[in-house]
Amino acid sequence: MMDLVDEFEAYRAKMNGKILDENNKVLKRIFNLDTNSFTEGALDVKTKELLGLVSSLVLRCDDCVKYHLESSYKEGLKRAQIVEALSIGTLVGGTIVIPHLRRAFEYWEALEQKFGKTE
């Protein structure tokens, strides 16, 4: 049985593959821009992931939140840093983001269960 992390990764990979198989220049450029925007630049990757996480929470995109949580975990961000970023997103987004905050906590816990806890 797949866990929450495996399920999300499999679905994302499957659907991204289908989208990119369409050979649509606009979609390919958007995907490329997204990938390149989160590489090292004037801001480090960790900072960019936190910005992506907060923005995704405020915009209430659960898939985006999961993506940035996983990327943040892989970049070595700690639980306290994630919680602080999520608190800013909740402050900015208001109480309407609380259901998304719950799912973010659930996904972070799934990452910790799968890969190990962070401080």
PDB file of N, CA and C in Angstrom:
ATOM      1  N   MET A   1       0.846  -1.189   0.000  1.00  0.00           N
ATOM      2  CA  MET A   1       0.000   0.000   0.000  1.00  0.00           C
ATOM      3  C   MET A   1       0.890   1.251   0.000  1.00  0.00           C
ATOM      4  N   MET A   2       0.548   2.212  -0.841  1.00  0.00           N
ATOM      5  CA  MET A   2       1.334   3.445  -0.926  1.00  0.00           C
ATOM      6  C   MET A   2       0.990   4.369   0.238  1.00  0.00           C
ATOM      7  N   ASP A   3       2.003   5.055   0.731  1.00  0.00           N
ATOM      8  CA  ASP A   3       1.749   6.054   1.757  1.00  0.00           C
ATOM      9  C   ASP A   3       1.435   7.394   1.099  1.00  0.00           C
ATOM     10  N   LEU A   4       1.144   8.369   1.913  1.00  0.00           N
ATOM     11  CA  LEU A   4       0.743   9.694   1.423  1.00  0.00           C
ATOM     12  C   LEU A   4       1.808  10.307   0.513  1.00  0.00           C
ATOM     13  N   VAL A   5       3.072  10.162   0.875  1.00  0.00           N
ATOM     14  CA  VAL A   5       4.165  10.737   0.094  1.00  0.00           C
ATOM     15  C   VAL A   5       4.299  10.015  -1.243  1.00  0.00           C
ATOM     16  N   ASP A   6       4.322   8.686  -1.205  1.00  0.00           N
ATOM     17  CA  ASP A   6       4.446   7.909  -2.442  1.00  0.00           C
ATOM     18  C   ASP A   6       3.280   8.174  -3.390  1.00  0.00           C
ATOM     19  N   GLU A   7       2.096   8.265  -2.817  1.00  0.00           N
ATOM     20  CA  GLU A   7       0.891   8.506  -3.630  1.00  0.00           C
ATOM     21  C   GLU A   7       0.982   9.851  -4.342  1.00  0.00           C
ATOM     22  N   PHE A   8       1.392  10.886  -3.616  1.00  0.00           N
ATOM     23  CA  PHE A   8       1.509  12.209  -4.218  1.00  0.00           C
ATOM     24  C   PHE A   8       2.583  12.219  -5.300  1.00  0.00           C
ATOM     25  N   GLU A   9       3.753  11.637  -4.992  1.00  0.00           N
ATOM     26  CA  GLU A   9       4.849  11.625  -5.960  1.00  0.00           C
ATOM     27  C   GLU A   9       4.465  10.870  -7.230  1.00  0.00           C
ATOM     28  N   ALA A  10       3.794   9.728  -7.072  1.00  0.00           N
ATOM     29  CA  ALA A  10       3.401   8.920  -8.231  1.00  0.00           C
ATOM     30  C   ALA A  10       2.389   9.666  -9.100  1.00  0.00           C
ATOM     31  N   TYR A  11       1.394  10.263  -8.462  1.00  0.00           N
ATOM     32  CA  TYR A  11       0.367  11.003  -9.208  1.00  0.00           C
ATOM     33  C   TYR A  11       0.986  12.194  -9.939  1.00  0.00           C
ATOM     34  N   ARG A  12       1.847  12.933  -9.237  1.00  0.00           N
ATOM     35  CA  ARG A  12       2.490  14.111  -9.828  1.00  0.00           C
ATOM     36  C   ARG A  12       3.333  13.712 -11.036  1.00  0.00           C
ATOM     37  N   ALA A  13       4.127  12.667 -10.886  1.00  0.00           N
ATOM     38  CA  ALA A  13       4.979  12.213 -11.989  1.00  0.00           C
ATOM     39  C   ALA A  13       4.140  11.736 -13.177  1.00  0.00           C
ATOM     40  N   LYS A  14       3.105  10.983 -12.893  1.00  0.00           N
ATOM     41  CA  LYS A  14       2.230  10.461 -13.957  1.00  0.00           C
ATOM     42  C   LYS A  14       1.579  11.606 -14.736  1.00  0.00           C
ATOM     43  N   MET A  15       0.987  12.532 -14.026  1.00  0.00           N
ATOM     44  CA  MET A  15       0.254  13.606 -14.690  1.00  0.00           C
ATOM     45  C   MET A  15       1.191  14.618 -15.352  1.00  0.00           C
ATOM     46  N   ASN A  16       2.331  14.911 -14.719  1.00  0.00           N
ATOM     47  CA  ASN A  16       3.303  15.800 -15.373  1.00  0.00           C
ATOM     48  C   ASN A  16       3.778  15.178 -16.677  1.00  0.00           C
ATOM     49  N   GLY A  17       3.996  13.868 -16.670  1.00  0.00           N
ATOM     50  CA  GLY A  17       4.398  13.182 -17.891  1.00  0.00           C
ATOM     51  C   GLY A  17       3.361  13.323 -18.986  1.00  0.00           C
ATOM     52  N   LYS A  18       2.102  13.158 -18.631  1.00  0.00           N
ATOM     53  CA  LYS A  18       1.025  13.293 -19.618  1.00  0.00           C
ATOM     54  C   LYS A  18       0.956  14.714 -20.161  1.00  0.00           C
ATOM     55  N   ILE A  19       1.100  15.679 -19.279  1.00  0.00           N
ATOM     56  CA  ILE A  19       1.046  17.083 -19.704  1.00  0.00           C
ATOM     57  C   ILE A  19       2.195  17.393 -20.654  1.00  0.00           C
ATOM     58  N   LEU A  20       3.406  16.983 -20.279  1.00  0.00           N
ATOM     59  CA  LEU A  20       4.576  17.294 -21.096  1.00  0.00           C
ATOM     60  C   LEU A  20       4.612  16.492 -22.393  1.00  0.00           C
ATOM     61  N   ASP A  21       3.944  15.341 -22.418  1.00  0.00           N
ATOM     62  CA  ASP A  21       3.855  14.552 -23.648  1.00  0.00           C
ATOM     63  C   ASP A  21       3.033  15.251 -24.730  1.00  0.00           C
ATOM     64  N   GLU A  22       2.245  16.225 -24.355  1.00  0.00           N
ATOM     65  CA  GLU A  22       1.434  16.959 -25.327  1.00  0.00           C
ATOM     66  C   GLU A  22       2.289  17.825 -26.245  1.00  0.00           C
ATOM     67  N   ASN A  23       3.536  18.043 -25.866  1.00  0.00           N
ATOM     68  CA  ASN A  23       4.453  18.831 -26.677  1.00  0.00           C
ATOM     69  C   ASN A  23       3.916  20.238 -26.964  1.00  0.00           C
ATOM     70  N   ASN A  24       3.345  20.844 -25.935  1.00  0.00           N
ATOM     71  CA  ASN A  24       2.839  22.207 -26.028  1.00  0.00           C
ATOM     72  C   ASN A  24       3.920  23.159 -25.531  1.00  0.00           C
ATOM     73  N   LYS A  25       4.340  24.063 -26.388  1.00  0.00           N
ATOM     74  CA  LYS A  25       5.446  24.965 -26.071  1.00  0.00           C
ATOM     75  C   LYS A  25       5.163  25.808 -24.825  1.00  0.00           C
ATOM     76  N   VAL A  26       3.959  26.315 -24.678  1.00  0.00           N
ATOM     77  CA  VAL A  26       3.624  27.171 -23.534  1.00  0.00           C
ATOM     78  C   VAL A  26       3.741  26.373 -22.236  1.00  0.00           C
ATOM     79  N   LEU A  27       3.149  25.178 -22.208  1.00  0.00           N
ATOM     80  CA  LEU A  27       3.214  24.363 -20.996  1.00  0.00           C
ATOM     81  C   LEU A  27       4.647  23.973 -20.655  1.00  0.00           C
ATOM     82  N   LYS A  28       5.421  23.584 -21.671  1.00  0.00           N
ATOM     83  CA  LYS A  28       6.819  23.211 -21.423  1.00  0.00           C
ATOM     84  C   LYS A  28       7.612  24.398 -20.877  1.00  0.00           C
ATOM     85  N   ARG A  29       7.353  25.583 -21.394  1.00  0.00           N
ATOM     86  CA  ARG A  29       8.069  26.769 -20.909  1.00  0.00           C
ATOM     87  C   ARG A  29       7.669  27.128 -19.484  1.00  0.00           C
ATOM     88  N   ILE A  30       6.387  26.963 -19.148  1.00  0.00           N
ATOM     89  CA  ILE A  30       5.940  27.234 -17.779  1.00  0.00           C
ATOM     90  C   ILE A  30       6.609  26.261 -16.818  1.00  0.00           C
ATOM     91  N   PHE A  31       6.640  24.975 -17.172  1.00  0.00           N
ATOM     92  CA  PHE A  31       7.284  23.981 -16.319  1.00  0.00           C
ATOM     93  C   PHE A  31       8.770  24.305 -16.161  1.00  0.00           C
ATOM     94  N   ASN A  32       9.424  24.695 -17.250  1.00  0.00           N
ATOM     95  CA  ASN A  32      10.836  25.037 -17.216  1.00  0.00           C
ATOM     96  C   ASN A  32      11.081  26.268 -16.343  1.00  0.00           C
ATOM     97  N   LEU A  33      10.245  27.274 -16.496  1.00  0.00           N
ATOM     98  CA  LEU A  33      10.365  28.488 -15.694  1.00  0.00           C
ATOM     99  C   LEU A  33      10.208  28.168 -14.214  1.00  0.00           C
ATOM    100  N   ASP A  34       9.236  27.333 -13.891  1.00  0.00           N
ATOM    101  CA  ASP A  34       9.003  26.935 -12.503  1.00  0.00           C
ATOM    102  C   ASP A  34      10.238  26.238 -11.943  1.00  0.00           C
ATOM    103  N   THR A  35      10.778  25.292 -12.690  1.00  0.00           N
ATOM    104  CA  THR A  35      11.968  24.558 -12.234  1.00  0.00           C
ATOM    105  C   THR A  35      13.148  25.497 -12.035  1.00  0.00           C
ATOM    106  N   ASN A  36      13.409  26.341 -13.004  1.00  0.00           N
ATOM    107  CA  ASN A  36      14.562  27.235 -12.935  1.00  0.00           C
ATOM    108  C   ASN A  36      14.414  28.345 -11.895  1.00  0.00           C
ATOM    109  N   SER A  37      13.195  28.717 -11.569  1.00  0.00           N
ATOM    110  CA  SER A  37      12.978  29.775 -10.579  1.00  0.00           C
ATOM    111  C   SER A  37      13.417  29.358  -9.179  1.00  0.00           C
ATOM    112  N   PHE A  38      13.451  28.062  -8.924  1.00  0.00           N
ATOM    113  CA  PHE A  38      13.789  27.578  -7.585  1.00  0.00           C
ATOM    114  C   PHE A  38      15.230  27.102  -7.470  1.00  0.00           C
ATOM    115  N   THR A  39      16.083  27.502  -8.424  1.00  0.00           N
ATOM    116  CA  THR A  39      17.511  27.192  -8.318  1.00  0.00           C
ATOM    117  C   THR A  39      18.221  28.332  -7.587  1.00  0.00           C
ATOM    118  N   GLU A  40      19.440  28.071  -7.166  1.00  0.00           N
ATOM    119  CA  GLU A  40      20.251  29.059  -6.455  1.00  0.00           C
ATOM    120  C   GLU A  40      20.376  30.335  -7.286  1.00  0.00           C
ATOM    121  N   GLY A  41      20.241  31.452  -6.639  1.00  0.00           N
ATOM    122  CA  GLY A  41      20.375  32.751  -7.295  1.00  0.00           C
ATOM    123  C   GLY A  41      20.747  33.772  -6.244  1.00  0.00           C
ATOM    124  N   ALA A  42      20.200  34.959  -6.335  1.00  0.00           N
ATOM    125  CA  ALA A  42      20.424  35.962  -5.292  1.00  0.00           C
ATOM    126  C   ALA A  42      19.887  35.455  -3.955  1.00  0.00           C
ATOM    127  N   LEU A  43      18.833  34.634  -4.031  1.00  0.00           N
ATOM    128  CA  LEU A  43      18.304  33.955  -2.842  1.00  0.00           C
ATOM    129  C   LEU A  43      18.724  32.498  -2.893  1.00  0.00           C
ATOM    130  N   ASP A  44      19.014  31.929  -1.730  1.00  0.00           N
ATOM    131  CA  ASP A  44      19.367  30.517  -1.707  1.00  0.00           C
ATOM    132  C   ASP A  44      18.114  29.655  -1.888  1.00  0.00           C
ATOM    133  N   VAL A  45      18.318  28.382  -2.179  1.00  0.00           N
ATOM    134  CA  VAL A  45      17.207  27.474  -2.485  1.00  0.00           C
ATOM    135  C   VAL A  45      16.266  27.326  -1.289  1.00  0.00           C
ATOM    136  N   LYS A  46      16.809  27.258  -0.089  1.00  0.00           N
ATOM    137  CA  LYS A  46      15.958  27.112   1.105  1.00  0.00           C
ATOM    138  C   LYS A  46      14.989  28.293   1.232  1.00  0.00           C
ATOM    139  N   THR A  47      15.496  29.487   1.035  1.00  0.00           N
ATOM    140  CA  THR A  47      14.648  30.682   1.123  1.00  0.00           C
ATOM    141  C   THR A  47      13.570  30.649   0.049  1.00  0.00           C
ATOM    142  N   LYS A  48      13.948  30.271  -1.155  1.00  0.00           N
ATOM    143  CA  LYS A  48      12.967  30.199  -2.240  1.00  0.00           C
ATOM    144  C   LYS A  48      11.894  29.161  -1.938  1.00  0.00           C
ATOM    145  N   GLU A  49      12.274  28.036  -1.359  1.00  0.00           N
ATOM    146  CA  GLU A  49      11.276  27.016  -1.013  1.00  0.00           C
ATOM    147  C   GLU A  49      10.316  27.525   0.054  1.00  0.00           C
ATOM    148  N   LEU A  50      10.836  28.255   1.033  1.00  0.00           N
ATOM    149  CA  LEU A  50       9.952  28.829   2.053  1.00  0.00           C
ATOM    150  C   LEU A  50       9.004  29.862   1.448  1.00  0.00           C
ATOM    151  N   LEU A  51       9.513  30.659   0.514  1.00  0.00           N
ATOM    152  CA  LEU A  51       8.642  31.617  -0.179  1.00  0.00           C
ATOM    153  C   LEU A  51       7.558  30.881  -0.966  1.00  0.00           C
ATOM    154  N   GLY A  52       7.948  29.825  -1.650  1.00  0.00           N
ATOM    155  CA  GLY A  52       6.982  29.015  -2.391  1.00  0.00           C
ATOM    156  C   GLY A  52       5.952  28.383  -1.468  1.00  0.00           C
ATOM    157  N   LEU A  53       6.404  27.917  -0.314  1.00  0.00           N
ATOM    158  CA  LEU A  53       5.500  27.292   0.655  1.00  0.00           C
ATOM    159  C   LEU A  53       4.469  28.287   1.173  1.00  0.00           C
ATOM    160  N   VAL A  54       4.933  29.450   1.587  1.00  0.00           N
ATOM    161  CA  VAL A  54       4.013  30.468   2.111  1.00  0.00           C
ATOM    162  C   VAL A  54       3.035  30.917   1.028  1.00  0.00           C
ATOM    163  N   SER A  55       3.546  31.167  -0.164  1.00  0.00           N
ATOM    164  CA  SER A  55       2.671  31.591  -1.263  1.00  0.00           C
ATOM    165  C   SER A  55       1.628  30.520  -1.574  1.00  0.00           C
ATOM    166  N   SER A  56       2.043  29.278  -1.577  1.00  0.00           N
ATOM    167  CA  SER A  56       1.132  28.179  -1.886  1.00  0.00           C
ATOM    168  C   SER A  56       0.053  28.037  -0.820  1.00  0.00           C
ATOM    169  N   LEU A  57       0.445  28.224   0.438  1.00  0.00           N
ATOM    170  CA  LEU A  57      -0.543  28.142   1.513  1.00  0.00           C
ATOM    171  C   LEU A  57      -1.566  29.262   1.376  1.00  0.00           C
ATOM    172  N   VAL A  58      -1.082  30.482   1.138  1.00  0.00           N
ATOM    173  CA  VAL A  58      -1.983  31.631   1.004  1.00  0.00           C
ATOM    174  C   VAL A  58      -2.928  31.442  -0.190  1.00  0.00           C
ATOM    175  N   LEU A  59      -2.406  30.861  -1.272  1.00  0.00           N
ATOM    176  CA  LEU A  59      -3.236  30.624  -2.457  1.00  0.00           C
ATOM    177  C   LEU A  59      -4.089  29.358  -2.337  1.00  0.00           C
ATOM    178  N   ARG A  60      -3.887  28.617  -1.249  1.00  0.00           N
ATOM    179  CA  ARG A  60      -4.679  27.424  -0.923  1.00  0.00           C
ATOM    180  C   ARG A  60      -4.517  26.315  -1.968  1.00  0.00           C
ATOM    181  N   CYS A  61      -3.282  26.097  -2.385  1.00  0.00           N
ATOM    182  CA  CYS A  61      -2.979  25.036  -3.336  1.00  0.00           C
ATOM    183  C   CYS A  61      -2.325  23.872  -2.582  1.00  0.00           C
ATOM    184  N   ASP A  62      -3.103  22.872  -2.228  1.00  0.00           N
ATOM    185  CA  ASP A  62      -2.575  21.748  -1.448  1.00  0.00           C
ATOM    186  C   ASP A  62      -1.456  21.009  -2.163  1.00  0.00           C
ATOM    187  N   ASP A  63      -1.587  20.792  -3.471  1.00  0.00           N
ATOM    188  CA  ASP A  63      -0.516  20.114  -4.203  1.00  0.00           C
ATOM    189  C   ASP A  63       0.771  20.934  -4.153  1.00  0.00           C
ATOM    190  N   CYS A  64       0.650  22.239  -4.290  1.00  0.00           N
ATOM    191  CA  CYS A  64       1.822  23.114  -4.242  1.00  0.00           C
ATOM    192  C   CYS A  64       2.451  23.094  -2.849  1.00  0.00           C
ATOM    193  N   VAL A  65       1.621  23.110  -1.825  1.00  0.00           N
ATOM    194  CA  VAL A  65       2.118  23.037  -0.451  1.00  0.00           C
ATOM    195  C   VAL A  65       2.895  21.738  -0.261  1.00  0.00           C
ATOM    196  N   LYS A  66       2.334  20.621  -0.712  1.00  0.00           N
ATOM    197  CA  LYS A  66       3.028  19.333  -0.586  1.00  0.00           C
ATOM    198  C   LYS A  66       4.360  19.366  -1.313  1.00  0.00           C
ATOM    199  N   TYR A  67       4.351  19.887  -2.516  1.00  0.00           N
ATOM    200  CA  TYR A  67       5.585  19.964  -3.308  1.00  0.00           C
ATOM    201  C   TYR A  67       6.660  20.757  -2.562  1.00  0.00           C
ATOM    202  N   HIS A  68       6.297  21.932  -2.042  1.00  0.00           N
ATOM    203  CA  HIS A  68       7.277  22.771  -1.362  1.00  0.00           C
ATOM    204  C   HIS A  68       7.678  22.211   0.000  1.00  0.00           C
ATOM    205  N   LEU A  69       6.774  21.501   0.653  1.00  0.00           N
ATOM    206  CA  LEU A  69       7.154  20.832   1.900  1.00  0.00           C
ATOM    207  C   LEU A  69       8.203  19.763   1.620  1.00  0.00           C
ATOM    208  N   GLU A  70       7.968  18.976   0.598  1.00  0.00           N
ATOM    209  CA  GLU A  70       8.915  17.918   0.264  1.00  0.00           C
ATOM    210  C   GLU A  70      10.256  18.496  -0.183  1.00  0.00           C
ATOM    211  N   SER A  71      10.224  19.521  -1.003  1.00  0.00           N
ATOM    212  CA  SER A  71      11.468  20.161  -1.437  1.00  0.00           C
ATOM    213  C   SER A  71      12.198  20.780  -0.243  1.00  0.00           C
ATOM    214  N   SER A  72      11.453  21.391   0.653  1.00  0.00           N
ATOM    215  CA  SER A  72      12.051  21.988   1.851  1.00  0.00           C
ATOM    216  C   SER A  72      12.689  20.921   2.731  1.00  0.00           C
ATOM    217  N   TYR A  73      12.001  19.795   2.877  1.00  0.00           N
ATOM    218  CA  TYR A  73      12.537  18.691   3.659  1.00  0.00           C
ATOM    219  C   TYR A  73      13.857  18.215   3.041  1.00  0.00           C
ATOM    220  N   LYS A  74      13.857  18.016   1.739  1.00  0.00           N
ATOM    221  CA  LYS A  74      15.059  17.531   1.039  1.00  0.00           C
ATOM    222  C   LYS A  74      16.195  18.545   1.086  1.00  0.00           C
ATOM    223  N   GLU A  75      15.873  19.832   1.219  1.00  0.00           N
ATOM    224  CA  GLU A  75      16.898  20.879   1.342  1.00  0.00           C
ATOM    225  C   GLU A  75      17.437  20.991   2.770  1.00  0.00           C
ATOM    226  N   GLY A  76      16.850  20.246   3.690  1.00  0.00           N
ATOM    227  CA  GLY A  76      17.354  20.230   5.059  1.00  0.00           C
ATOM    228  C   GLY A  76      16.712  21.222   6.003  1.00  0.00           C
ATOM    229  N   LEU A  77      15.590  21.799   5.593  1.00  0.00           N
ATOM    230  CA  LEU A  77      14.895  22.706   6.509  1.00  0.00           C
ATOM    231  C   LEU A  77      14.332  21.912   7.688  1.00  0.00           C
ATOM    232  N   LYS A  78      14.330  22.513   8.836  1.00  0.00           N
ATOM    233  CA  LYS A  78      13.885  21.868  10.070  1.00  0.00           C
ATOM    234  C   LYS A  78      12.401  22.131  10.315  1.00  0.00           C
ATOM    235  N   ARG A  79      11.818  21.278  11.117  1.00  0.00           N
ATOM    236  CA  ARG A  79      10.394  21.396  11.451  1.00  0.00           C
ATOM    237  C   ARG A  79      10.062  22.794  11.978  1.00  0.00           C
ATOM    238  N   ALA A  80      10.885  23.325  12.864  1.00  0.00           N
ATOM    239  CA  ALA A  80      10.618  24.651  13.438  1.00  0.00           C
ATOM    240  C   ALA A  80      10.590  25.732  12.361  1.00  0.00           C
ATOM    241  N   GLN A  81      11.455  25.611  11.354  1.00  0.00           N
ATOM    242  CA  GLN A  81      11.469  26.579  10.256  1.00  0.00           C
ATOM    243  C   GLN A  81      10.194  26.468   9.424  1.00  0.00           C
ATOM    244  N   ILE A  82       9.758  25.235   9.188  1.00  0.00           N
ATOM    245  CA  ILE A  82       8.527  25.010   8.424  1.00  0.00           C
ATOM    246  C   ILE A  82       7.325  25.551   9.184  1.00  0.00           C
ATOM    247  N   VAL A  83       7.258  25.251  10.470  1.00  0.00           N
ATOM    248  CA  VAL A  83       6.127  25.729  11.277  1.00  0.00           C
ATOM    249  C   VAL A  83       6.091  27.248  11.305  1.00  0.00           C
ATOM    250  N   GLU A  84       7.255  27.871  11.418  1.00  0.00           N
ATOM    251  CA  GLU A  84       7.286  29.334  11.426  1.00  0.00           C
ATOM    252  C   GLU A  84       6.818  29.907  10.092  1.00  0.00           C
ATOM    253  N   ALA A  85       7.269  29.307   8.987  1.00  0.00           N
ATOM    254  CA  ALA A  85       6.825  29.765   7.660  1.00  0.00           C
ATOM    255  C   ALA A  85       5.322  29.565   7.503  1.00  0.00           C
ATOM    256  N   LEU A  86       4.830  28.411   7.938  1.00  0.00           N
ATOM    257  CA  LEU A  86       3.383  28.151   7.849  1.00  0.00           C
ATOM    258  C   LEU A  86       2.589  29.122   8.722  1.00  0.00           C
ATOM    259  N   SER A  87       3.172  29.529   9.838  1.00  0.00           N
ATOM    260  CA  SER A  87       2.468  30.496  10.695  1.00  0.00           C
ATOM    261  C   SER A  87       2.337  31.850   9.997  1.00  0.00           C
ATOM    262  N   ILE A  88       3.376  32.245   9.254  1.00  0.00           N
ATOM    263  CA  ILE A  88       3.308  33.502   8.491  1.00  0.00           C
ATOM    264  C   ILE A  88       2.258  33.379   7.392  1.00  0.00           C
ATOM    265  N   GLY A  89       2.243  32.250   6.700  1.00  0.00           N
ATOM    266  CA  GLY A  89       1.239  32.025   5.659  1.00  0.00           C
ATOM    267  C   GLY A  89      -0.177  32.069   6.212  1.00  0.00           C
ATOM    268  N   THR A  90      -0.357  31.526   7.404  1.00  0.00           N
ATOM    269  CA  THR A  90      -1.680  31.542   8.025  1.00  0.00           C
ATOM    270  C   THR A  90      -2.058  32.953   8.456  1.00  0.00           C
ATOM    271  N   LEU A  91      -1.099  33.689   8.972  1.00  0.00           N
ATOM    272  CA  LEU A  91      -1.352  35.081   9.338  1.00  0.00           C
ATOM    273  C   LEU A  91      -1.779  35.892   8.119  1.00  0.00           C
ATOM    274  N   VAL A  92      -1.033  35.755   7.039  1.00  0.00           N
ATOM    275  CA  VAL A  92      -1.331  36.515   5.817  1.00  0.00           C
ATOM    276  C   VAL A  92      -2.623  36.027   5.169  1.00  0.00           C
ATOM    277  N   GLY A  93      -2.807  34.719   5.116  1.00  0.00           N
ATOM    278  CA  GLY A  93      -3.961  34.143   4.430  1.00  0.00           C
ATOM    279  C   GLY A  93      -5.255  34.188   5.235  1.00  0.00           C
ATOM    280  N   GLY A  94      -5.143  34.231   6.549  1.00  0.00           N
ATOM    281  CA  GLY A  94      -6.321  34.264   7.400  1.00  0.00           C
ATOM    282  C   GLY A  94      -6.837  32.865   7.709  1.00  0.00           C
ATOM    283  N   THR A  95      -7.919  32.837   8.448  1.00  0.00           N
ATOM    284  CA  THR A  95      -8.436  31.555   8.941  1.00  0.00           C
ATOM    285  C   THR A  95      -8.905  30.625   7.825  1.00  0.00           C
ATOM    286  N   ILE A  96      -9.162  31.151   6.632  1.00  0.00           N
ATOM    287  CA  ILE A  96      -9.601  30.299   5.528  1.00  0.00           C
ATOM    288  C   ILE A  96      -8.516  29.294   5.125  1.00  0.00           C
ATOM    289  N   VAL A  97      -7.254  29.559   5.465  1.00  0.00           N
ATOM    290  CA  VAL A  97      -6.184  28.621   5.106  1.00  0.00           C
ATOM    291  C   VAL A  97      -5.991  27.510   6.145  1.00  0.00           C
ATOM    292  N   ILE A  98      -6.702  27.562   7.262  1.00  0.00           N
ATOM    293  CA  ILE A  98      -6.507  26.565   8.317  1.00  0.00           C
ATOM    294  C   ILE A  98      -6.710  25.126   7.817  1.00  0.00           C
ATOM    295  N   PRO A  99      -7.725  24.822   6.996  1.00  0.00           N
ATOM    296  CA  PRO A  99      -7.810  23.446   6.490  1.00  0.00           C
ATOM    297  C   PRO A  99      -6.571  23.030   5.696  1.00  0.00           C
ATOM    298  N   HIS A 100      -5.976  23.955   4.968  1.00  0.00           N
ATOM    299  CA  HIS A 100      -4.763  23.681   4.194  1.00  0.00           C
ATOM    300  C   HIS A 100      -3.559  23.545   5.132  1.00  0.00           C
ATOM    301  N   LEU A 101      -3.565  24.303   6.212  1.00  0.00           N
ATOM    302  CA  LEU A 101      -2.538  24.195   7.246  1.00  0.00           C
ATOM    303  C   LEU A 101      -2.578  22.800   7.865  1.00  0.00           C
ATOM    304  N   ARG A 102      -3.770  22.302   8.140  1.00  0.00           N
ATOM    305  CA  ARG A 102      -3.914  20.943   8.691  1.00  0.00           C
ATOM    306  C   ARG A 102      -3.299  19.911   7.752  1.00  0.00           C
ATOM    307  N   ARG A 103      -3.612  20.035   6.466  1.00  0.00           N
ATOM    308  CA  ARG A 103      -3.074  19.081   5.496  1.00  0.00           C
ATOM    309  C   ARG A 103      -1.557  19.239   5.352  1.00  0.00           C
ATOM    310  N   ALA A 104      -1.059  20.461   5.513  1.00  0.00           N
ATOM    311  CA  ALA A 104       0.392  20.688   5.469  1.00  0.00           C
ATOM    312  C   ALA A 104       1.069  19.966   6.632  1.00  0.00           C
ATOM    313  N   PHE A 105       0.510  20.083   7.826  1.00  0.00           N
ATOM    314  CA  PHE A 105       1.074  19.379   8.984  1.00  0.00           C
ATOM    315  C   PHE A 105       1.026  17.873   8.769  1.00  0.00           C
ATOM    316  N   GLU A 106      -0.082  17.391   8.239  1.00  0.00           N
ATOM    317  CA  GLU A 106      -0.219  15.964   7.969  1.00  0.00           C
ATOM    318  C   GLU A 106       0.865  15.497   6.989  1.00  0.00           C
ATOM    319  N   TYR A 107       1.119  16.274   5.949  1.00  0.00           N
ATOM    320  CA  TYR A 107       2.108  15.886   4.947  1.00  0.00           C
ATOM    321  C   TYR A 107       3.522  15.968   5.512  1.00  0.00           C
ATOM    322  N   TRP A 108       3.823  16.992   6.296  1.00  0.00           N
ATOM    323  CA  TRP A 108       5.149  17.082   6.909  1.00  0.00           C
ATOM    324  C   TRP A 108       5.387  15.865   7.810  1.00  0.00           C
ATOM    325  N   GLU A 109       4.373  15.486   8.576  1.00  0.00           N
ATOM    326  CA  GLU A 109       4.499  14.295   9.424  1.00  0.00           C
ATOM    327  C   GLU A 109       4.722  13.043   8.582  1.00  0.00           C
ATOM    328  N   ALA A 110       4.072  12.952   7.425  1.00  0.00           N
ATOM    329  CA  ALA A 110       4.270  11.814   6.523  1.00  0.00           C
ATOM    330  C   ALA A 110       5.710  11.798   6.005  1.00  0.00           C
ATOM    331  N   LEU A 111       6.253  12.976   5.699  1.00  0.00           N
ATOM    332  CA  LEU A 111       7.653  13.064   5.268  1.00  0.00           C
ATOM    333  C   LEU A 111       8.584  12.601   6.384  1.00  0.00           C
ATOM    334  N   GLU A 112       8.311  13.035   7.612  1.00  0.00           N
ATOM    335  CA  GLU A 112       9.138  12.630   8.743  1.00  0.00           C
ATOM    336  C   GLU A 112       9.030  11.128   9.005  1.00  0.00           C
ATOM    337  N   GLN A 113       7.846  10.567   8.830  1.00  0.00           N
ATOM    338  CA  GLN A 113       7.680   9.120   9.004  1.00  0.00           C
ATOM    339  C   GLN A 113       8.450   8.354   7.938  1.00  0.00           C
ATOM    340  N   LYS A 114       8.424   8.864   6.733  1.00  0.00           N
ATOM    341  CA  LYS A 114       9.077   8.176   5.614  1.00  0.00           C
ATOM    342  C   LYS A 114      10.598   8.333   5.647  1.00  0.00           C
ATOM    343  N   PHE A 115      11.068   9.549   5.939  1.00  0.00           N
ATOM    344  CA  PHE A 115      12.496   9.841   5.805  1.00  0.00           C
ATOM    345  C   PHE A 115      13.204  10.118   7.124  1.00  0.00           C
ATOM    346  N   GLY A 116      12.481  10.271   8.205  1.00  0.00           N
ATOM    347  CA  GLY A 116      13.084  10.572   9.505  1.00  0.00           C
ATOM    348  C   GLY A 116      12.704  11.963   9.984  1.00  0.00           C
ATOM    349  N   LYS A 117      12.607  12.103  11.292  1.00  0.00           N
ATOM    350  CA  LYS A 117      12.209  13.382  11.884  1.00  0.00           C
ATOM    351  C   LYS A 117      13.296  14.426  11.742  1.00  0.00           C
ATOM    352  N   THR A 118      12.865  15.674  11.688  1.00  0.00           N
ATOM    353  CA  THR A 118      13.792  16.802  11.699  1.00  0.00           C
ATOM    354  C   THR A 118      13.640  17.518  13.025  1.00  0.00           C
ATOM    355  N   GLU A 119      14.616  18.317  13.359  1.00  0.00           N
ATOM    356  CA  GLU A 119      14.589  19.027  14.643  1.00  0.00           C
ATOM    357  C   GLU A 119      13.535  20.089  14.655  1.00  0.00           C
TER     358      GLU A 119
END
